[in-house]
Amino acid sequence: GMRVKCDISFGQANGIGSVVSTLHFVKKYPALRPLLFVLKYYLQQKGFSQVYTGGIGSYTLIMMIVSHLELYWANYNSHVNLGTLLRDFFELYGRTFNYFHVG
């Protein structure tokens, strides 16, 4: 059968705000949802989908995608295919992003 994993947090004051901002970004950037699904699947296949084992959490991944889309939209336009956005996401966070300078 199909197994669905979910993570539930209790006592987090910022939970509702996170949901509201995520819904806003999904509406603003239609490419966010399909990119998120593909990247979550990719991270799962590579063993990087669980935060407690050193992976990337859903909200962090959403914010990474949003940051990428905001940079992309500022420099190009919204009429770009998902393959190009995915390739450029990997290029940004896998090769050109300066983690030592920014993080």
PDB file of N, CA and C in Angstrom:
ATOM      1  N   GLY A   1       0.811  -1.188   0.000  1.00  0.00           N
ATOM      2  CA  GLY A   1       0.000   0.000   0.000  1.00  0.00           C
ATOM      3  C   GLY A   1       0.849   1.244   0.000  1.00  0.00           C
ATOM      4  N   MET A   2       0.175   2.326  -0.127  1.00  0.00           N
ATOM      5  CA  MET A   2       0.838   3.622  -0.162  1.00  0.00           C
ATOM      6  C   MET A   2       1.106   4.116   1.256  1.00  0.00           C
ATOM      7  N   ARG A   3       2.322   4.560   1.504  1.00  0.00           N
ATOM      8  CA  ARG A   3       2.688   5.112   2.803  1.00  0.00           C
ATOM      9  C   ARG A   3       2.868   6.616   2.675  1.00  0.00           C
ATOM     10  N   VAL A   4       2.246   7.346   3.563  1.00  0.00           N
ATOM     11  CA  VAL A   4       2.351   8.801   3.573  1.00  0.00           C
ATOM     12  C   VAL A   4       2.989   9.216   4.883  1.00  0.00           C
ATOM     13  N   LYS A   5       4.095   9.954   4.783  1.00  0.00           N
ATOM     14  CA  LYS A   5       4.752  10.462   5.975  1.00  0.00           C
ATOM     15  C   LYS A   5       4.290  11.888   6.215  1.00  0.00           C
ATOM     16  N   CYS A   6       4.111  12.223   7.487  1.00  0.00           N
ATOM     17  CA  CYS A   6       3.750  13.600   7.800  1.00  0.00           C
ATOM     18  C   CYS A   6       4.424  13.996   9.097  1.00  0.00           C
ATOM     19  N   ASP A   7       4.628  15.268   9.259  1.00  0.00           N
ATOM     20  CA  ASP A   7       5.290  15.811  10.431  1.00  0.00           C
ATOM     21  C   ASP A   7       4.341  16.810  11.067  1.00  0.00           C
ATOM     22  N   ILE A   8       4.030  16.607  12.337  1.00  0.00           N
ATOM     23  CA  ILE A   8       3.109  17.487  13.049  1.00  0.00           C
ATOM     24  C   ILE A   8       3.859  18.140  14.195  1.00  0.00           C
ATOM     25  N   SER A   9       3.738  19.447  14.304  1.00  0.00           N
ATOM     26  CA  SER A   9       4.384  20.188  15.386  1.00  0.00           C
ATOM     27  C   SER A   9       3.328  20.759  16.316  1.00  0.00           C
ATOM     28  N   PHE A  10       3.583  20.662  17.599  1.00  0.00           N
ATOM     29  CA  PHE A  10       2.680  21.205  18.607  1.00  0.00           C
ATOM     30  C   PHE A  10       3.372  22.354  19.327  1.00  0.00           C
ATOM     31  N   GLY A  11       2.592  23.337  19.729  1.00  0.00           N
ATOM     32  CA  GLY A  11       3.124  24.439  20.526  1.00  0.00           C
ATOM     33  C   GLY A  11       4.001  25.408  19.762  1.00  0.00           C
ATOM     34  N   GLN A  12       3.894  25.428  18.441  1.00  0.00           N
ATOM     35  CA  GLN A  12       4.685  26.348  17.625  1.00  0.00           C
ATOM     36  C   GLN A  12       3.831  27.564  17.281  1.00  0.00           C
ATOM     37  N   ALA A  13       4.244  28.717  17.763  1.00  0.00           N
ATOM     38  CA  ALA A  13       3.463  29.942  17.559  1.00  0.00           C
ATOM     39  C   ALA A  13       3.442  30.395  16.106  1.00  0.00           C
ATOM     40  N   ASN A  14       4.428  30.025  15.319  1.00  0.00           N
ATOM     41  CA  ASN A  14       4.517  30.512  13.940  1.00  0.00           C
ATOM     42  C   ASN A  14       3.861  29.583  12.915  1.00  0.00           C
ATOM     43  N   GLY A  15       3.201  28.525  13.348  1.00  0.00           N
ATOM     44  CA  GLY A  15       2.612  27.559  12.424  1.00  0.00           C
ATOM     45  C   GLY A  15       1.574  28.141  11.488  1.00  0.00           C
ATOM     46  N   ILE A  16       0.633  28.905  12.027  1.00  0.00           N
ATOM     47  CA  ILE A  16      -0.423  29.505  11.199  1.00  0.00           C
ATOM     48  C   ILE A  16       0.173  30.502  10.214  1.00  0.00           C
ATOM     49  N   GLY A  17       1.113  31.306  10.670  1.00  0.00           N
ATOM     50  CA  GLY A  17       1.767  32.267   9.773  1.00  0.00           C
ATOM     51  C   GLY A  17       2.490  31.576   8.630  1.00  0.00           C
ATOM     52  N   SER A  18       3.101  30.435   8.916  1.00  0.00           N
ATOM     53  CA  SER A  18       3.795  29.673   7.877  1.00  0.00           C
ATOM     54  C   SER A  18       2.820  29.164   6.828  1.00  0.00           C
ATOM     55  N   VAL A  19       1.675  28.689   7.268  1.00  0.00           N
ATOM     56  CA  VAL A  19       0.652  28.206   6.336  1.00  0.00           C
ATOM     57  C   VAL A  19       0.148  29.346   5.468  1.00  0.00           C
ATOM     58  N   VAL A  20      -0.127  30.481   6.090  1.00  0.00           N
ATOM     59  CA  VAL A  20      -0.634  31.643   5.339  1.00  0.00           C
ATOM     60  C   VAL A  20       0.383  32.096   4.301  1.00  0.00           C
ATOM     61  N   SER A  21       1.646  32.207   4.691  1.00  0.00           N
ATOM     62  CA  SER A  21       2.667  32.653   3.735  1.00  0.00           C
ATOM     63  C   SER A  21       2.872  31.624   2.623  1.00  0.00           C
ATOM     64  N   THR A  22       2.825  30.334   2.961  1.00  0.00           N
ATOM     65  CA  THR A  22       2.972  29.295   1.942  1.00  0.00           C
ATOM     66  C   THR A  22       1.838  29.361   0.929  1.00  0.00           C
ATOM     67  N   LEU A  23       0.603  29.515   1.400  1.00  0.00           N
ATOM     68  CA  LEU A  23      -0.537  29.631   0.487  1.00  0.00           C
ATOM     69  C   LEU A  23      -0.411  30.866  -0.407  1.00  0.00           C
ATOM     70  N   HIS A  24       0.085  31.960   0.151  1.00  0.00           N
ATOM     71  CA  HIS A  24       0.324  33.175  -0.629  1.00  0.00           C
ATOM     72  C   HIS A  24       1.333  32.912  -1.751  1.00  0.00           C
ATOM     73  N   PHE A  25       2.441  32.238  -1.403  1.00  0.00           N
ATOM     74  CA  PHE A  25       3.477  31.967  -2.403  1.00  0.00           C
ATOM     75  C   PHE A  25       2.995  30.990  -3.472  1.00  0.00           C
ATOM     76  N   VAL A  26       2.201  29.999  -3.097  1.00  0.00           N
ATOM     77  CA  VAL A  26       1.664  29.047  -4.074  1.00  0.00           C
ATOM     78  C   VAL A  26       0.770  29.769  -5.074  1.00  0.00           C
ATOM     79  N   LYS A  27       0.011  30.734  -4.584  1.00  0.00           N
ATOM     80  CA  LYS A  27      -0.862  31.513  -5.470  1.00  0.00           C
ATOM     81  C   LYS A  27      -0.047  32.465  -6.350  1.00  0.00           C
ATOM     82  N   LYS A  28       0.979  33.071  -5.785  1.00  0.00           N
ATOM     83  CA  LYS A  28       1.805  34.043  -6.510  1.00  0.00           C
ATOM     84  C   LYS A  28       2.694  33.373  -7.561  1.00  0.00           C
ATOM     85  N   TYR A  29       3.218  32.193  -7.231  1.00  0.00           N
ATOM     86  CA  TYR A  29       4.136  31.480  -8.119  1.00  0.00           C
ATOM     87  C   TYR A  29       3.563  30.106  -8.474  1.00  0.00           C
ATOM     88  N   PRO A  30       2.857  29.987  -9.580  1.00  0.00           N
ATOM     89  CA  PRO A  30       2.265  28.698  -9.961  1.00  0.00           C
ATOM     90  C   PRO A  30       3.299  27.583 -10.118  1.00  0.00           C
ATOM     91  N   ALA A  31       4.534  27.931 -10.405  1.00  0.00           N
ATOM     92  CA  ALA A  31       5.580  26.918 -10.576  1.00  0.00           C
ATOM     93  C   ALA A  31       6.037  26.328  -9.245  1.00  0.00           C
ATOM     94  N   LEU A  32       5.683  26.955  -8.133  1.00  0.00           N
ATOM     95  CA  LEU A  32       6.144  26.492  -6.826  1.00  0.00           C
ATOM     96  C   LEU A  32       5.699  25.064  -6.532  1.00  0.00           C
ATOM     97  N   ARG A  33       4.438  24.780  -6.720  1.00  0.00           N
ATOM     98  CA  ARG A  33       3.893  23.460  -6.363  1.00  0.00           C
ATOM     99  C   ARG A  33       4.577  22.324  -7.141  1.00  0.00           C
ATOM    100  N   PRO A  34       4.635  22.387  -8.488  1.00  0.00           N
ATOM    101  CA  PRO A  34       5.290  21.273  -9.188  1.00  0.00           C
ATOM    102  C   PRO A  34       6.783  21.165  -8.864  1.00  0.00           C
ATOM    103  N   LEU A  35       7.467  22.285  -8.698  1.00  0.00           N
ATOM    104  CA  LEU A  35       8.883  22.231  -8.319  1.00  0.00           C
ATOM    105  C   LEU A  35       9.049  21.589  -6.950  1.00  0.00           C
ATOM    106  N   LEU A  36       8.165  21.923  -6.022  1.00  0.00           N
ATOM    107  CA  LEU A  36       8.230  21.354  -4.685  1.00  0.00           C
ATOM    108  C   LEU A  36       8.053  19.840  -4.737  1.00  0.00           C
ATOM    109  N   PHE A  37       7.086  19.353  -5.501  1.00  0.00           N
ATOM    110  CA  PHE A  37       6.855  17.906  -5.599  1.00  0.00           C
ATOM    111  C   PHE A  37       8.076  17.187  -6.174  1.00  0.00           C
ATOM    112  N   VAL A  38       8.634  17.732  -7.237  1.00  0.00           N
ATOM    113  CA  VAL A  38       9.790  17.098  -7.870  1.00  0.00           C
ATOM    114  C   VAL A  38      10.995  17.123  -6.935  1.00  0.00           C
ATOM    115  N   LEU A  39      11.240  18.259  -6.286  1.00  0.00           N
ATOM    116  CA  LEU A  39      12.395  18.365  -5.402  1.00  0.00           C
ATOM    117  C   LEU A  39      12.238  17.523  -4.143  1.00  0.00           C
ATOM    118  N   LYS A  40      11.031  17.443  -3.602  1.00  0.00           N
ATOM    119  CA  LYS A  40      10.809  16.581  -2.430  1.00  0.00           C
ATOM    120  C   LYS A  40      11.054  15.118  -2.793  1.00  0.00           C
ATOM    121  N   TYR A  41      10.598  14.710  -3.965  1.00  0.00           N
ATOM    122  CA  TYR A  41      10.834  13.337  -4.419  1.00  0.00           C
ATOM    123  C   TYR A  41      12.336  13.090  -4.611  1.00  0.00           C
ATOM    124  N   TYR A  42      13.017  14.048  -5.233  1.00  0.00           N
ATOM    125  CA  TYR A  42      14.463  13.939  -5.444  1.00  0.00           C
ATOM    126  C   TYR A  42      15.194  13.808  -4.106  1.00  0.00           C
ATOM    127  N   LEU A  43      14.855  14.660  -3.145  1.00  0.00           N
ATOM    128  CA  LEU A  43      15.502  14.599  -1.828  1.00  0.00           C
ATOM    129  C   LEU A  43      15.215  13.272  -1.132  1.00  0.00           C
ATOM    130  N   GLN A  44      14.008  12.774  -1.278  1.00  0.00           N
ATOM    131  CA  GLN A  44      13.669  11.476  -0.681  1.00  0.00           C
ATOM    132  C   GLN A  44      14.518  10.369  -1.295  1.00  0.00           C
ATOM    133  N   GLN A  45      14.668  10.384  -2.597  1.00  0.00           N
ATOM    134  CA  GLN A  45      15.462   9.361  -3.278  1.00  0.00           C
ATOM    135  C   GLN A  45      16.936   9.407  -2.871  1.00  0.00           C
ATOM    136  N   LYS A  46      17.425  10.592  -2.556  1.00  0.00           N
ATOM    137  CA  LYS A  46      18.826  10.760  -2.175  1.00  0.00           C
ATOM    138  C   LYS A  46      19.050  10.637  -0.667  1.00  0.00           C
ATOM    139  N   GLY A  47      17.971  10.454   0.100  1.00  0.00           N
ATOM    140  CA  GLY A  47      18.091  10.301   1.551  1.00  0.00           C
ATOM    141  C   GLY A  47      18.236  11.604   2.308  1.00  0.00           C
ATOM    142  N   PHE A  48      17.766  12.696   1.714  1.00  0.00           N
ATOM    143  CA  PHE A  48      17.872  14.013   2.354  1.00  0.00           C
ATOM    144  C   PHE A  48      16.508  14.645   2.626  1.00  0.00           C
ATOM    145  N   SER A  49      15.515  13.839   2.934  1.00  0.00           N
ATOM    146  CA  SER A  49      14.168  14.389   3.135  1.00  0.00           C
ATOM    147  C   SER A  49      13.800  14.536   4.611  1.00  0.00           C
ATOM    148  N   GLN A  50      14.632  14.053   5.516  1.00  0.00           N
ATOM    149  CA  GLN A  50      14.328  14.128   6.952  1.00  0.00           C
ATOM    150  C   GLN A  50      15.281  15.097   7.646  1.00  0.00           C
ATOM    151  N   VAL A  51      14.732  16.102   8.287  1.00  0.00           N
ATOM    152  CA  VAL A  51      15.546  17.122   8.949  1.00  0.00           C
ATOM    153  C   VAL A  51      16.413  16.508  10.039  1.00  0.00           C
ATOM    154  N   TYR A  52      15.863  15.592  10.806  1.00  0.00           N
ATOM    155  CA  TYR A  52      16.599  15.037  11.941  1.00  0.00           C
ATOM    156  C   TYR A  52      17.781  14.162  11.524  1.00  0.00           C
ATOM    157  N   THR A  53      17.892  13.839  10.237  1.00  0.00           N
ATOM    158  CA  THR A  53      19.056  13.106   9.756  1.00  0.00           C
ATOM    159  C   THR A  53      19.937  13.979   8.852  1.00  0.00           C
ATOM    160  N   GLY A  54      19.720  15.296   8.893  1.00  0.00           N
ATOM    161  CA  GLY A  54      20.538  16.220   8.109  1.00  0.00           C
ATOM    162  C   GLY A  54      19.934  16.655   6.796  1.00  0.00           C
ATOM    163  N   GLY A  55      18.681  16.323   6.561  1.00  0.00           N
ATOM    164  CA  GLY A  55      18.019  16.680   5.313  1.00  0.00           C
ATOM    165  C   GLY A  55      17.389  18.064   5.360  1.00  0.00           C
ATOM    166  N   ILE A  56      16.625  18.360   4.347  1.00  0.00           N
ATOM    167  CA  ILE A  56      15.972  19.665   4.209  1.00  0.00           C
ATOM    168  C   ILE A  56      14.484  19.493   4.475  1.00  0.00           C
ATOM    169  N   GLY A  57      13.941  20.289   5.387  1.00  0.00           N
ATOM    170  CA  GLY A  57      12.525  20.255   5.706  1.00  0.00           C
ATOM    171  C   GLY A  57      11.689  20.933   4.642  1.00  0.00           C
ATOM    172  N   SER A  58      10.397  20.662   4.682  1.00  0.00           N
ATOM    173  CA  SER A  58       9.478  21.199   3.679  1.00  0.00           C
ATOM    174  C   SER A  58       9.473  22.717   3.649  1.00  0.00           C
ATOM    175  N   TYR A  59       9.386  23.348   4.814  1.00  0.00           N
ATOM    176  CA  TYR A  59       9.303  24.807   4.823  1.00  0.00           C
ATOM    177  C   TYR A  59      10.599  25.435   4.311  1.00  0.00           C
ATOM    178  N   THR A  60      11.731  24.862   4.690  1.00  0.00           N
ATOM    179  CA  THR A  60      13.013  25.365   4.188  1.00  0.00           C
ATOM    180  C   THR A  60      13.079  25.224   2.678  1.00  0.00           C
ATOM    181  N   LEU A  61      12.650  24.073   2.168  1.00  0.00           N
ATOM    182  CA  LEU A  61      12.664  23.859   0.728  1.00  0.00           C
ATOM    183  C   LEU A  61      11.729  24.833   0.021  1.00  0.00           C
ATOM    184  N   ILE A  62      10.554  25.070   0.592  1.00  0.00           N
ATOM    185  CA  ILE A  62       9.626  26.051   0.006  1.00  0.00           C
ATOM    186  C   ILE A  62      10.289  27.416  -0.073  1.00  0.00           C
ATOM    187  N   MET A  63      10.950  27.832   1.006  1.00  0.00           N
ATOM    188  CA  MET A  63      11.597  29.144   1.012  1.00  0.00           C
ATOM    189  C   MET A  63      12.762  29.209   0.024  1.00  0.00           C
ATOM    190  N   MET A  64      13.480  28.100  -0.149  1.00  0.00           N
ATOM    191  CA  MET A  64      14.548  28.064  -1.157  1.00  0.00           C
ATOM    192  C   MET A  64      13.969  28.225  -2.557  1.00  0.00           C
ATOM    193  N   ILE A  65      12.864  27.535  -2.829  1.00  0.00           N
ATOM    194  CA  ILE A  65      12.217  27.631  -4.142  1.00  0.00           C
ATOM    195  C   ILE A  65      11.685  29.042  -4.359  1.00  0.00           C
ATOM    196  N   VAL A  66      11.033  29.609  -3.347  1.00  0.00           N
ATOM    197  CA  VAL A  66      10.496  30.971  -3.457  1.00  0.00           C
ATOM    198  C   VAL A  66      11.627  31.959  -3.731  1.00  0.00           C
ATOM    199  N   SER A  67      12.722  31.826  -3.011  1.00  0.00           N
ATOM    200  CA  SER A  67      13.864  32.714  -3.242  1.00  0.00           C
ATOM    201  C   SER A  67      14.355  32.588  -4.681  1.00  0.00           C
ATOM    202  N   HIS A  68      14.460  31.361  -5.156  1.00  0.00           N
ATOM    203  CA  HIS A  68      14.886  31.125  -6.536  1.00  0.00           C
ATOM    204  C   HIS A  68      13.903  31.759  -7.525  1.00  0.00           C
ATOM    205  N   LEU A  69      12.609  31.558  -7.296  1.00  0.00           N
ATOM    206  CA  LEU A  69      11.606  32.123  -8.202  1.00  0.00           C
ATOM    207  C   LEU A  69      11.618  33.644  -8.176  1.00  0.00           C
ATOM    208  N   GLU A  70      11.799  34.228  -7.004  1.00  0.00           N
ATOM    209  CA  GLU A  70      11.864  35.691  -6.918  1.00  0.00           C
ATOM    210  C   GLU A  70      13.068  36.230  -7.675  1.00  0.00           C
ATOM    211  N   LEU A  71      14.215  35.578  -7.544  1.00  0.00           N
ATOM    212  CA  LEU A  71      15.397  35.988  -8.305  1.00  0.00           C
ATOM    213  C   LEU A  71      15.160  35.797  -9.800  1.00  0.00           C
ATOM    214  N   TYR A  72      14.538  34.686 -10.150  1.00  0.00           N
ATOM    215  CA  TYR A  72      14.314  34.373 -11.552  1.00  0.00           C
ATOM    216  C   TYR A  72      13.351  35.358 -12.190  1.00  0.00           C
ATOM    217  N   TRP A  73      12.249  35.636 -11.494  1.00  0.00           N
ATOM    218  CA  TRP A  73      11.244  36.556 -12.040  1.00  0.00           C
ATOM    219  C   TRP A  73      11.808  37.965 -12.166  1.00  0.00           C
ATOM    220  N   ALA A  74      12.713  38.349 -11.286  1.00  0.00           N
ATOM    221  CA  ALA A  74      13.312  39.683 -11.360  1.00  0.00           C
ATOM    222  C   ALA A  74      14.196  39.815 -12.595  1.00  0.00           C
ATOM    223  N   ASN A  75      14.800  38.714 -13.020  1.00  0.00           N
ATOM    224  CA  ASN A  75      15.738  38.771 -14.139  1.00  0.00           C
ATOM    225  C   ASN A  75      15.149  38.320 -15.473  1.00  0.00           C
ATOM    226  N   TYR A  76      14.066  37.540 -15.431  1.00  0.00           N
ATOM    227  CA  TYR A  76      13.484  37.014 -16.662  1.00  0.00           C
ATOM    228  C   TYR A  76      12.002  37.332 -16.688  1.00  0.00           C
ATOM    229  N   ASN A  77      11.195  36.359 -16.990  1.00  0.00           N
ATOM    230  CA  ASN A  77       9.753  36.560 -16.962  1.00  0.00           C
ATOM    231  C   ASN A  77       9.074  35.267 -16.523  1.00  0.00           C
ATOM    232  N   SER A  78       7.784  35.305 -16.387  1.00  0.00           N
ATOM    233  CA  SER A  78       7.048  34.153 -15.872  1.00  0.00           C
ATOM    234  C   SER A  78       6.774  33.097 -16.944  1.00  0.00           C
ATOM    235  N   HIS A  79       7.199  33.319 -18.167  1.00  0.00           N
ATOM    236  CA  HIS A  79       6.922  32.380 -19.252  1.00  0.00           C
ATOM    237  C   HIS A  79       8.133  31.482 -19.515  1.00  0.00           C
ATOM    238  N   VAL A  80       8.536  30.763 -18.500  1.00  0.00           N
ATOM    239  CA  VAL A  80       9.662  29.852 -18.639  1.00  0.00           C
ATOM    240  C   VAL A  80       9.181  28.461 -18.231  1.00  0.00           C
ATOM    241  N   ASN A  81       9.737  27.434 -18.847  1.00  0.00           N
ATOM    242  CA  ASN A  81       9.239  26.090 -18.548  1.00  0.00           C
ATOM    243  C   ASN A  81       9.818  25.557 -17.243  1.00  0.00           C
ATOM    244  N   LEU A  82       9.138  24.564 -16.695  1.00  0.00           N
ATOM    245  CA  LEU A  82       9.521  24.001 -15.399  1.00  0.00           C
ATOM    246  C   LEU A  82      10.886  23.330 -15.443  1.00  0.00           C
ATOM    247  N   GLY A  83      11.238  22.733 -16.563  1.00  0.00           N
ATOM    248  CA  GLY A  83      12.550  22.102 -16.691  1.00  0.00           C
ATOM    249  C   GLY A  83      13.677  23.105 -16.534  1.00  0.00           C
ATOM    250  N   THR A  84      13.515  24.277 -17.121  1.00  0.00           N
ATOM    251  CA  THR A  84      14.515  25.329 -16.995  1.00  0.00           C
ATOM    252  C   THR A  84      14.603  25.816 -15.557  1.00  0.00           C
ATOM    253  N   LEU A  85      13.445  25.997 -14.912  1.00  0.00           N
ATOM    254  CA  LEU A  85      13.443  26.421 -13.511  1.00  0.00           C
ATOM    255  C   LEU A  85      14.116  25.385 -12.618  1.00  0.00           C
ATOM    256  N   LEU A  86      13.855  24.108 -12.873  1.00  0.00           N
ATOM    257  CA  LEU A  86      14.466  23.048 -12.072  1.00  0.00           C
ATOM    258  C   LEU A  86      15.974  23.006 -12.280  1.00  0.00           C
ATOM    259  N   ARG A  87      16.390  23.047 -13.529  1.00  0.00           N
ATOM    260  CA  ARG A  87      17.823  23.057 -13.831  1.00  0.00           C
ATOM    261  C   ARG A  87      18.525  24.237 -13.167  1.00  0.00           C
ATOM    262  N   ASP A  88      17.909  25.414 -13.260  1.00  0.00           N
ATOM    263  CA  ASP A  88      18.518  26.606 -12.679  1.00  0.00           C
ATOM    264  C   ASP A  88      18.491  26.583 -11.152  1.00  0.00           C
ATOM    265  N   PHE A  89      17.500  25.904 -10.556  1.00  0.00           N
ATOM    266  CA  PHE A  89      17.475  25.716  -9.104  1.00  0.00           C
ATOM    267  C   PHE A  89      18.689  24.904  -8.675  1.00  0.00           C
ATOM    268  N   PHE A  90      18.943  23.792  -9.377  1.00  0.00           N
ATOM    269  CA  PHE A  90      20.114  22.963  -9.063  1.00  0.00           C
ATOM    270  C   PHE A  90      21.412  23.726  -9.309  1.00  0.00           C
ATOM    271  N   GLU A  91      21.439  24.514 -10.352  1.00  0.00           N
ATOM    272  CA  GLU A  91      22.634  25.326 -10.646  1.00  0.00           C
ATOM    273  C   GLU A  91      22.888  26.329  -9.523  1.00  0.00           C
ATOM    274  N   LEU A  92      21.821  26.996  -9.080  1.00  0.00           N
ATOM    275  CA  LEU A  92      21.968  28.001  -8.026  1.00  0.00           C
ATOM    276  C   LEU A  92      22.439  27.377  -6.725  1.00  0.00           C
ATOM    277  N   TYR A  93      21.708  26.400  -6.217  1.00  0.00           N
ATOM    278  CA  TYR A  93      22.011  25.861  -4.891  1.00  0.00           C
ATOM    279  C   TYR A  93      23.090  24.777  -4.908  1.00  0.00           C
ATOM    280  N   GLY A  94      23.396  24.241  -6.075  1.00  0.00           N
ATOM    281  CA  GLY A  94      24.418  23.206  -6.155  1.00  0.00           C
ATOM    282  C   GLY A  94      25.778  23.694  -6.600  1.00  0.00           C
ATOM    283  N   ARG A  95      25.820  24.851  -7.283  1.00  0.00           N
ATOM    284  CA  ARG A  95      27.097  25.294  -7.829  1.00  0.00           C
ATOM    285  C   ARG A  95      27.445  26.746  -7.511  1.00  0.00           C
ATOM    286  N   THR A  96      26.495  27.674  -7.687  1.00  0.00           N
ATOM    287  CA  THR A  96      26.877  29.086  -7.623  1.00  0.00           C
ATOM    288  C   THR A  96      26.600  29.767  -6.291  1.00  0.00           C
ATOM    289  N   PHE A  97      25.710  29.238  -5.483  1.00  0.00           N
ATOM    290  CA  PHE A  97      25.372  29.871  -4.200  1.00  0.00           C
ATOM    291  C   PHE A  97      26.583  29.805  -3.279  1.00  0.00           C
ATOM    292  N   ASN A  98      26.961  30.950  -2.712  1.00  0.00           N
ATOM    293  CA  ASN A  98      28.126  31.015  -1.840  1.00  0.00           C
ATOM    294  C   ASN A  98      27.685  30.825  -0.392  1.00  0.00           C
ATOM    295  N   TYR A  99      27.725  29.595   0.090  1.00  0.00           N
ATOM    296  CA  TYR A  99      27.265  29.259   1.444  1.00  0.00           C
ATOM    297  C   TYR A  99      28.157  29.889   2.509  1.00  0.00           C
ATOM    298  N   PHE A 100      29.423  30.069   2.212  1.00  0.00           N
ATOM    299  CA  PHE A 100      30.343  30.652   3.190  1.00  0.00           C
ATOM    300  C   PHE A 100      30.081  32.147   3.370  1.00  0.00           C
ATOM    301  N   HIS A 101      29.718  32.808   2.273  1.00  0.00           N
ATOM    302  CA  HIS A 101      29.465  34.254   2.335  1.00  0.00           C
ATOM    303  C   HIS A 101      28.079  34.566   2.897  1.00  0.00           C
ATOM    304  N   VAL A 102      27.070  33.803   2.479  1.00  0.00           N
ATOM    305  CA  VAL A 102      25.686  34.078   2.856  1.00  0.00           C
ATOM    306  C   VAL A 102      25.315  33.387   4.160  1.00  0.00           C
ATOM    307  N   GLY A 103      25.691  32.136   4.318  1.00  0.00           N
ATOM    308  CA  GLY A 103      25.240  31.337   5.455  1.00  0.00           C
ATOM    309  C   GLY A 103      26.241  31.314   6.556  1.00  0.00           C
TER     310      GLY A 103
END
